[in-house]
Amino acid sequence: MKNKILNKILVVLLLTILVIPGVAYGEEDYTIMPISIEYTHWADKYIDTLNLEYNTEEFFENKDLDDEISTEDLVFLIQNTLKDDFEYNQEEITREKAVYEFTKIWAQKTEQNLDEIATIKMIIYADTEKIDAEYNHAVTVAYMKGIAEGRGERIFDPKALLTYGEAAALVVKTEEAVEEEMKNQNPIVEGKFETRGYYEVTNDMVTFNFELFSHYEESKELMFSSGQQFEITVTNENGEEVYKFSEGKAFTMALMYETLEPGEAITWSDEWDRTDKEGNYLESGKYKAKIEILAAQSPGPVEEEKVETEDIPKEQLIKTIEFTLYELDEEGRITSESAENIIEDKATKVMETLKVKNFESLAD
C-alpha cells in the first residue's frame, strides 16, 4: 500500500517539475513552487490515503468526520479496503469493539492467533478499567502494533461510538501494521530454530511460557536424551542461583522424539513459587531466567544402530528473560515506593522500545 501511494506521489511531483518550467519557458527566471497540503481535520491525511488507494471519495463526500459512523458504513468501508467478507451485525460500534474487530483482521492477515500474542503487563490507558475484559487484550495488542491509540492524555474512551475519522485512521493503520508485521516476520527459509519466551508475575508465582519455533522449509526430527526437555535457571542480581527447574525432579532415561513442522513450535510452561533454594520467599529484586531447550536434531529412531544426532547451535536453543519482583503490602498490593519505581522503569523502557519499534522487547 505504501509503495503504491509513493509511486502516485512521485508521478505528481515529476509532472509538477515538468509542467511548471514549460509555462515559464522564455523567461530569464522561474520558480518551482513547493507542493504543500494543509489539512483542516486530523483524519484528512487518512482520507487522502484511502482515496488514493481505494477511490473512496464518494464514500467520504459530505461526511462529517466527527460524526458517529453507522455500522452499515463501517462494514462497507472495511469490505472495500481490508476484508471483503467482513460482517458486523450489532446496532452500534464503540471504540473498544472497533479496535477489537480491526485487530482480529490484522491477526488473520498476519496468520497469528490473537489470543496467544504476548502483551505488555502494564496499564496503558488511565481508563483501562472501563474496557470490557473481552476486548482488553486486543486493545493492548493494537497499541503495541500501532493500530490504535487513545484520544490523548492516556484516555482511550472505550464506550464512545466510533467516528468516520477514526474509522478511516483504523483502516490505514491496520494495513500499515500488517505490512510492518509481514516485513518483520522471519521467513521460514532462514533454516534455523528459535527459542521464544515470556513471563507473568503474580503474588505467589512466576510463570514462564516458552517455545521452540522452526524456521525451516522442511520437517525436522528432534531428539531429547531423557524425559527432561528443558532447563530453567533463575539467578539474582549477584549472579547467585535461586531456582533450577530440574532440582529435586526425576526424569525417564529414554530417548524421546518430536517432529517439528515448518513454521510450527513446541511449547512448554513452568511455574516458580518465588522461593530460593533455602525456601525463603523472595519479595523483591531483579532476576534473570535462562531457558535452555535440551534438544538435538536426529534422523529419527534407529532400532539396532546408534542414533546419529546433529548439534543445534546453542544460541538457537536459549532464551534469557530479565524480570523484577516487587514488594507487596499485607493486602497483596504493590507498595507506593515500589509502584513509583515500576512506573519510572517501565515508562523509560516502553519509550525506548517504541522509538525503535522493538515489539518483541516490548512484549517481554
Foldseek 3Di string as FASTA:
>chain_A
DVVQVVVVVVVVVVVLVVPQCVVVPPDPDDDRDDDDDDDPDPLVVLVVVCCSVQVCCVVCPPFDQADFDFPVSLLVVCLRAQNVPDDDDDGFAFLLNVLQVLLVSLCVLLVHDLVPDFFFDDQQAPVLVPRDPVRSSSVRVCVLLVLDADPPPRHNRGGHTHGNSNSSSNRVRSVVSSVVSVVPDDALCVFAKAKAWDWDDALFKIKIKIKIWHSHQAKFKKKAQWQDFKKKWKAFPVRHTFDIPCPPDDIGRHMDMDIHGGGGIDMDMDMDRCGGPVRHHDQKGKMKMKMFGRIWTWPDDDDPDDTDTHHHPRNRGIDMDIDIHAHADPVRHGDPVRVVVCCVVLVVVVVVCVVVSVSSSNSD
